[in-house]
N, C-alpha and C. Protein backbone atom coordinates (compact mmCIF):
# COMPACT_ATOMS: atom_id res chain seq x y z
N MET A 1 99.75 98.87 108.81
CA MET A 1 99.42 98.31 107.52
C MET A 1 98.70 99.36 106.65
N ALA A 2 97.86 100.19 107.26
CA ALA A 2 97.14 101.22 106.50
C ALA A 2 98.10 102.24 105.88
N VAL A 3 99.12 102.62 106.64
CA VAL A 3 100.11 103.56 106.11
C VAL A 3 100.87 102.92 104.96
N SER A 4 101.26 101.67 105.12
CA SER A 4 101.97 100.95 104.06
C SER A 4 101.11 100.84 102.81
N ALA A 5 99.85 100.48 102.98
CA ALA A 5 98.93 100.36 101.84
C ALA A 5 98.76 101.70 101.15
N THR A 6 98.68 102.77 101.93
CA THR A 6 98.49 104.10 101.36
C THR A 6 99.76 104.57 100.65
N LEU A 7 100.92 104.25 101.19
CA LEU A 7 102.17 104.58 100.50
C LEU A 7 102.25 103.85 99.16
N HIS A 8 101.83 102.60 99.15
CA HIS A 8 101.80 101.83 97.90
C HIS A 8 100.87 102.51 96.90
N CYS A 9 99.69 102.90 97.38
CA CYS A 9 98.72 103.59 96.53
C CYS A 9 99.28 104.93 96.05
N LEU A 10 99.94 105.63 96.95
CA LEU A 10 100.52 106.93 96.60
C LEU A 10 101.55 106.80 95.49
N LEU A 11 102.34 105.73 95.51
CA LEU A 11 103.34 105.53 94.47
C LEU A 11 102.68 105.39 93.10
N GLY A 12 101.72 104.48 93.00
CA GLY A 12 101.03 104.30 91.71
C GLY A 12 100.29 105.54 91.27
N CYS A 13 99.59 106.16 92.21
CA CYS A 13 98.85 107.39 91.89
C CYS A 13 99.80 108.51 91.47
N SER A 14 100.91 108.62 92.15
CA SER A 14 101.87 109.68 91.83
C SER A 14 102.45 109.50 90.43
N ILE A 15 102.81 108.28 90.10
CA ILE A 15 103.35 108.02 88.76
C ILE A 15 102.32 108.42 87.70
N GLY A 16 101.10 107.96 87.88
CA GLY A 16 100.04 108.28 86.92
C GLY A 16 99.65 109.74 86.93
N GLU A 17 99.51 110.29 88.12
CA GLU A 17 99.10 111.69 88.26
C GLU A 17 100.13 112.63 87.65
N VAL A 18 101.38 112.44 88.01
CA VAL A 18 102.44 113.32 87.48
C VAL A 18 102.55 113.15 85.97
N SER A 19 102.51 111.92 85.49
CA SER A 19 102.57 111.68 84.05
C SER A 19 101.42 112.37 83.33
N GLY A 20 100.22 112.21 83.86
CA GLY A 20 99.04 112.83 83.24
C GLY A 20 99.10 114.35 83.27
N MET A 21 99.53 114.90 84.39
CA MET A 21 99.64 116.36 84.49
C MET A 21 100.70 116.89 83.53
N ILE A 22 101.81 116.18 83.43
CA ILE A 22 102.88 116.61 82.51
C ILE A 22 102.39 116.55 81.06
N ILE A 23 101.79 115.43 80.69
CA ILE A 23 101.33 115.27 79.31
C ILE A 23 100.25 116.29 78.98
N GLY A 24 99.23 116.38 79.83
CA GLY A 24 98.13 117.31 79.58
C GLY A 24 98.58 118.76 79.53
N THR A 25 99.45 119.13 80.46
CA THR A 25 99.95 120.51 80.50
C THR A 25 100.84 120.79 79.30
N ALA A 26 101.73 119.86 78.97
CA ALA A 26 102.63 120.05 77.83
C ALA A 26 101.86 120.17 76.52
N LEU A 27 100.75 119.46 76.41
CA LEU A 27 99.95 119.51 75.19
C LEU A 27 98.96 120.69 75.19
N GLY A 28 98.94 121.44 76.29
CA GLY A 28 98.05 122.59 76.38
C GLY A 28 96.58 122.23 76.54
N TRP A 29 96.33 121.04 77.08
CA TRP A 29 94.95 120.60 77.28
C TRP A 29 94.28 121.44 78.36
N HIS A 30 92.97 121.49 78.29
CA HIS A 30 92.19 122.16 79.33
C HIS A 30 92.19 121.29 80.58
N THR A 31 91.73 121.83 81.65
CA THR A 31 91.74 121.16 82.96
C THR A 31 91.05 119.80 82.91
N VAL A 32 89.88 119.73 82.31
CA VAL A 32 89.12 118.48 82.33
C VAL A 32 89.88 117.35 81.65
N GLY A 33 90.44 117.60 80.48
CA GLY A 33 91.19 116.57 79.76
C GLY A 33 92.41 116.12 80.53
N THR A 34 93.10 117.07 81.13
CA THR A 34 94.30 116.75 81.91
C THR A 34 93.94 115.92 83.14
N VAL A 35 92.88 116.28 83.82
CA VAL A 35 92.45 115.54 85.01
C VAL A 35 92.01 114.13 84.62
N VAL A 36 91.26 114.00 83.55
CA VAL A 36 90.80 112.67 83.11
C VAL A 36 92.00 111.78 82.79
N LEU A 37 92.97 112.32 82.06
CA LEU A 37 94.17 111.55 81.75
C LEU A 37 94.93 111.17 83.01
N SER A 38 95.09 112.10 83.92
CA SER A 38 95.81 111.85 85.17
C SER A 38 95.14 110.75 85.99
N VAL A 39 93.83 110.81 86.09
CA VAL A 39 93.09 109.80 86.86
C VAL A 39 93.21 108.44 86.19
N ALA A 40 93.06 108.39 84.88
CA ALA A 40 93.17 107.11 84.16
C ALA A 40 94.55 106.50 84.36
N LEU A 41 95.59 107.32 84.24
CA LEU A 41 96.95 106.80 84.43
C LEU A 41 97.21 106.40 85.88
N ALA A 42 96.63 107.12 86.83
CA ALA A 42 96.79 106.77 88.24
C ALA A 42 96.19 105.39 88.51
N PHE A 43 95.01 105.13 87.99
CA PHE A 43 94.40 103.80 88.16
C PHE A 43 95.25 102.74 87.45
N LEU A 44 95.69 103.02 86.24
CA LEU A 44 96.49 102.07 85.49
C LEU A 44 97.77 101.69 86.24
N PHE A 45 98.53 102.69 86.68
CA PHE A 45 99.78 102.41 87.39
C PHE A 45 99.52 101.80 88.78
N GLY A 46 98.48 102.27 89.46
CA GLY A 46 98.15 101.71 90.77
C GLY A 46 97.81 100.23 90.68
N TYR A 47 96.95 99.88 89.73
CA TYR A 47 96.60 98.47 89.54
C TYR A 47 97.82 97.65 89.10
N ALA A 48 98.61 98.21 88.21
CA ALA A 48 99.79 97.49 87.71
C ALA A 48 100.76 97.16 88.84
N LEU A 49 100.98 98.12 89.73
CA LEU A 49 101.89 97.86 90.85
C LEU A 49 101.34 96.79 91.78
N SER A 50 100.03 96.81 92.01
CA SER A 50 99.43 95.78 92.86
C SER A 50 99.50 94.41 92.20
N MET A 51 99.22 94.38 90.93
CA MET A 51 99.23 93.11 90.21
C MET A 51 100.63 92.51 90.17
N ARG A 52 101.63 93.35 90.11
CA ARG A 52 103.02 92.87 90.04
C ARG A 52 103.33 91.94 91.21
N GLY A 53 102.99 92.35 92.41
CA GLY A 53 103.26 91.53 93.59
C GLY A 53 102.45 90.25 93.62
N VAL A 54 101.21 90.33 93.17
CA VAL A 54 100.34 89.16 93.19
C VAL A 54 100.79 88.15 92.12
N VAL A 55 101.16 88.64 90.96
CA VAL A 55 101.64 87.76 89.89
C VAL A 55 102.95 87.07 90.33
N ARG A 56 103.80 87.82 91.03
CA ARG A 56 105.05 87.23 91.54
C ARG A 56 104.78 86.07 92.49
N ALA A 57 103.62 86.10 93.14
CA ALA A 57 103.26 85.03 94.06
C ALA A 57 102.75 83.80 93.32
N GLY A 58 102.73 83.86 91.99
CA GLY A 58 102.33 82.71 91.20
C GLY A 58 100.88 82.70 90.78
N VAL A 59 100.21 83.81 90.92
CA VAL A 59 98.79 83.90 90.57
C VAL A 59 98.66 84.32 89.11
N GLY A 60 97.68 83.81 88.41
CA GLY A 60 97.44 84.16 87.02
C GLY A 60 97.00 85.60 86.85
N PHE A 61 97.11 86.09 85.61
CA PHE A 61 96.81 87.49 85.31
C PHE A 61 95.38 87.87 85.69
N GLY A 62 94.41 87.05 85.32
CA GLY A 62 93.00 87.37 85.61
C GLY A 62 92.73 87.47 87.09
N THR A 63 93.24 86.53 87.85
CA THR A 63 93.07 86.56 89.31
C THR A 63 93.79 87.76 89.90
N ALA A 64 95.00 88.03 89.42
CA ALA A 64 95.77 89.18 89.91
C ALA A 64 95.03 90.48 89.63
N LEU A 65 94.40 90.59 88.48
CA LEU A 65 93.62 91.79 88.15
C LEU A 65 92.45 91.93 89.10
N ARG A 66 91.74 90.85 89.36
CA ARG A 66 90.60 90.91 90.29
C ARG A 66 91.05 91.30 91.70
N VAL A 67 92.19 90.76 92.13
CA VAL A 67 92.75 91.11 93.45
C VAL A 67 93.10 92.60 93.49
N ALA A 68 93.75 93.09 92.44
CA ALA A 68 94.12 94.51 92.40
C ALA A 68 92.88 95.41 92.41
N LEU A 69 91.88 95.04 91.66
CA LEU A 69 90.63 95.83 91.64
C LEU A 69 90.01 95.87 93.04
N ALA A 70 89.96 94.72 93.69
CA ALA A 70 89.37 94.65 95.04
C ALA A 70 90.23 95.39 96.06
N ALA A 71 91.54 95.30 95.91
CA ALA A 71 92.44 95.87 96.90
C ALA A 71 92.58 97.39 96.79
N ASP A 72 92.53 97.93 95.58
CA ASP A 72 92.95 99.31 95.39
C ASP A 72 91.92 100.29 94.86
N THR A 73 90.79 99.85 94.38
CA THR A 73 89.86 100.76 93.73
C THR A 73 89.42 101.90 94.65
N VAL A 74 88.99 101.60 95.84
CA VAL A 74 88.51 102.65 96.75
C VAL A 74 89.66 103.59 97.13
N SER A 75 90.80 103.01 97.45
CA SER A 75 91.96 103.81 97.85
C SER A 75 92.40 104.77 96.74
N ILE A 76 92.51 104.25 95.52
CA ILE A 76 92.91 105.10 94.40
C ILE A 76 91.85 106.16 94.14
N ALA A 77 90.59 105.80 94.21
CA ALA A 77 89.51 106.77 93.96
C ALA A 77 89.56 107.92 94.96
N VAL A 78 89.72 107.60 96.23
CA VAL A 78 89.79 108.64 97.26
C VAL A 78 91.01 109.53 97.03
N MET A 79 92.13 108.89 96.74
CA MET A 79 93.36 109.66 96.52
C MET A 79 93.21 110.57 95.30
N GLU A 80 92.64 110.08 94.24
CA GLU A 80 92.50 110.87 93.01
C GLU A 80 91.49 112.00 93.16
N ILE A 81 90.39 111.73 93.82
CA ILE A 81 89.41 112.80 94.06
C ILE A 81 90.06 113.91 94.87
N THR A 82 90.80 113.53 95.89
CA THR A 82 91.42 114.52 96.77
C THR A 82 92.50 115.31 96.07
N ASP A 83 93.46 114.63 95.44
CA ASP A 83 94.57 115.40 94.87
C ASP A 83 94.14 116.23 93.67
N ASN A 84 93.21 115.74 92.88
CA ASN A 84 92.74 116.55 91.75
C ASN A 84 91.89 117.72 92.21
N ALA A 85 91.14 117.54 93.28
CA ALA A 85 90.38 118.67 93.82
C ALA A 85 91.32 119.78 94.27
N VAL A 86 92.40 119.41 94.94
CA VAL A 86 93.37 120.41 95.38
C VAL A 86 93.98 121.12 94.17
N MET A 87 94.38 120.35 93.17
CA MET A 87 94.97 120.96 91.97
C MET A 87 94.02 121.95 91.30
N VAL A 88 92.75 121.57 91.22
CA VAL A 88 91.76 122.43 90.56
C VAL A 88 91.41 123.64 91.42
N LEU A 89 91.39 123.47 92.73
CA LEU A 89 90.99 124.57 93.62
C LEU A 89 92.07 125.62 93.86
N VAL A 90 93.33 125.27 93.66
CA VAL A 90 94.39 126.27 93.85
C VAL A 90 94.42 127.16 92.61
N PRO A 91 94.13 128.44 92.78
CA PRO A 91 94.05 129.34 91.64
C PRO A 91 95.33 129.34 90.79
N GLY A 92 95.15 129.06 89.51
CA GLY A 92 96.26 129.11 88.56
C GLY A 92 97.13 127.88 88.48
N ALA A 93 96.95 126.91 89.38
CA ALA A 93 97.85 125.75 89.41
C ALA A 93 97.78 124.92 88.13
N MET A 94 96.57 124.68 87.63
CA MET A 94 96.42 123.85 86.43
C MET A 94 96.93 124.56 85.18
N ASP A 95 96.95 125.87 85.19
CA ASP A 95 97.39 126.63 84.02
C ASP A 95 98.80 127.17 84.18
N ALA A 96 99.45 126.84 85.27
CA ALA A 96 100.75 127.44 85.58
C ALA A 96 101.87 127.00 84.64
N GLY A 97 101.79 125.82 84.13
CA GLY A 97 102.85 125.33 83.24
C GLY A 97 103.89 124.53 84.00
N LEU A 98 104.58 123.67 83.28
CA LEU A 98 105.53 122.75 83.88
C LEU A 98 106.77 123.42 84.44
N ALA A 99 107.08 124.60 83.99
CA ALA A 99 108.31 125.28 84.42
C ALA A 99 108.09 126.19 85.62
N THR A 100 106.94 126.07 86.28
CA THR A 100 106.65 126.97 87.39
C THR A 100 106.69 126.25 88.73
N VAL A 101 107.07 126.98 89.73
CA VAL A 101 107.07 126.46 91.10
C VAL A 101 105.63 126.20 91.55
N LEU A 102 104.70 127.07 91.16
CA LEU A 102 103.30 126.91 91.55
C LEU A 102 102.77 125.55 91.15
N PHE A 103 103.02 125.12 89.93
CA PHE A 103 102.54 123.83 89.45
C PHE A 103 103.08 122.69 90.31
N TRP A 104 104.39 122.63 90.48
CA TRP A 104 105.02 121.50 91.18
C TRP A 104 104.76 121.50 92.67
N VAL A 105 104.75 122.67 93.29
CA VAL A 105 104.45 122.72 94.73
C VAL A 105 103.00 122.32 94.97
N THR A 106 102.10 122.81 94.14
CA THR A 106 100.69 122.45 94.31
C THR A 106 100.49 120.96 94.11
N LEU A 107 101.14 120.37 93.11
CA LEU A 107 101.02 118.94 92.87
C LEU A 107 101.56 118.14 94.06
N ALA A 108 102.70 118.55 94.60
CA ALA A 108 103.28 117.85 95.76
C ALA A 108 102.37 117.97 96.98
N VAL A 109 101.86 119.16 97.22
CA VAL A 109 100.96 119.37 98.36
C VAL A 109 99.67 118.57 98.16
N ALA A 110 99.16 118.56 96.94
CA ALA A 110 97.93 117.82 96.65
C ALA A 110 98.10 116.33 96.93
N LEU A 111 99.23 115.78 96.53
CA LEU A 111 99.48 114.36 96.80
C LEU A 111 99.67 114.10 98.29
N GLY A 112 100.30 115.02 98.99
CA GLY A 112 100.46 114.89 100.44
C GLY A 112 99.12 114.92 101.16
N ILE A 113 98.26 115.83 100.78
CA ILE A 113 96.92 115.90 101.38
C ILE A 113 96.14 114.63 101.05
N ALA A 114 96.26 114.16 99.82
CA ALA A 114 95.56 112.93 99.43
C ALA A 114 96.02 111.74 100.28
N PHE A 115 97.33 111.69 100.58
CA PHE A 115 97.85 110.62 101.43
C PHE A 115 97.19 110.67 102.81
N VAL A 116 97.15 111.86 103.41
CA VAL A 116 96.58 112.02 104.75
C VAL A 116 95.10 111.65 104.76
N VAL A 117 94.38 112.00 103.73
CA VAL A 117 92.94 111.69 103.66
C VAL A 117 92.72 110.19 103.44
N THR A 118 93.61 109.54 102.70
CA THR A 118 93.40 108.14 102.32
C THR A 118 93.82 107.15 103.39
N VAL A 119 94.75 107.50 104.28
CA VAL A 119 95.18 106.56 105.33
C VAL A 119 93.99 106.05 106.16
N PRO A 120 93.12 106.92 106.69
CA PRO A 120 92.00 106.38 107.48
C PRO A 120 91.03 105.54 106.65
N VAL A 121 90.90 105.85 105.38
CA VAL A 121 90.04 105.04 104.51
C VAL A 121 90.63 103.63 104.40
N ASN A 122 91.95 103.54 104.17
CA ASN A 122 92.59 102.23 104.09
C ASN A 122 92.53 101.50 105.42
N ARG A 123 92.67 102.22 106.51
CA ARG A 123 92.57 101.59 107.83
C ARG A 123 91.19 100.96 108.02
N TRP A 124 90.17 101.69 107.65
CA TRP A 124 88.80 101.19 107.76
C TRP A 124 88.60 99.97 106.87
N LEU A 125 89.08 100.05 105.61
CA LEU A 125 88.94 98.93 104.69
C LEU A 125 89.65 97.68 105.21
N ILE A 126 90.87 97.84 105.69
CA ILE A 126 91.63 96.71 106.21
C ILE A 126 90.92 96.11 107.42
N GLY A 127 90.37 96.96 108.27
CA GLY A 127 89.63 96.49 109.44
C GLY A 127 88.41 95.66 109.07
N LYS A 128 87.86 95.91 107.88
CA LYS A 128 86.70 95.16 107.39
C LYS A 128 87.11 93.97 106.52
N GLY A 129 88.44 93.71 106.41
CA GLY A 129 88.92 92.61 105.60
C GLY A 129 88.91 92.91 104.11
N ARG A 130 88.86 94.18 103.78
CA ARG A 130 88.82 94.60 102.38
C ARG A 130 90.07 95.41 102.06
N GLY A 131 90.08 96.01 100.87
CA GLY A 131 91.21 96.84 100.49
C GLY A 131 92.49 96.03 100.44
N HIS A 132 93.54 96.58 101.02
CA HIS A 132 94.86 95.94 100.97
C HIS A 132 94.86 94.58 101.67
N ALA A 133 93.94 94.34 102.57
CA ALA A 133 93.86 93.04 103.23
C ALA A 133 93.63 91.93 102.22
N VAL A 134 92.93 92.22 101.13
CA VAL A 134 92.68 91.23 100.09
C VAL A 134 93.99 90.83 99.42
N ALA A 135 94.83 91.81 99.11
CA ALA A 135 96.11 91.53 98.44
C ALA A 135 97.13 90.94 99.38
N HIS A 136 97.00 91.26 100.67
CA HIS A 136 98.00 90.81 101.65
C HIS A 136 98.11 89.29 101.70
N ALA A 137 97.03 88.61 101.42
CA ALA A 137 97.05 87.14 101.44
C ALA A 137 98.00 86.55 100.40
N TYR A 138 98.34 87.33 99.38
CA TYR A 138 99.20 86.85 98.30
C TYR A 138 100.67 87.25 98.48
N HIS A 139 100.97 88.04 99.47
CA HIS A 139 102.35 88.49 99.70
C HIS A 139 103.06 87.49 100.60
N HIS A 140 104.29 87.22 100.28
CA HIS A 140 105.06 86.25 101.06
C HIS A 140 106.13 86.96 101.86
């Protein structure tokens, strides 16, 4: 279940992260602006994906939002801290530009490392009845 929850988190984070990195890089933003946009979009897409399943189960928007916040906040935060740290720490990756192998390989590696770091966090949360365990009650 922890791997499944982390894959779900990775999907939302990847959509937001890649979108933010593309937008920030294409606009020539500095690292801080690009990272802030990427993190904001990662949370937005991560929560939206979680809410989608809960709303399908017949739950109202407000309740679905609360479930998504409870289920995914820690997971998304850990994933975002990890993958953005990798992006920032690899020399030249943030300034490499969208047409470079360095940018895309670093982003892919960063997301992979974030996945590996986040799985045990989700396992711990699920074991405590938190994280994805909260949303699991709404899945059929």
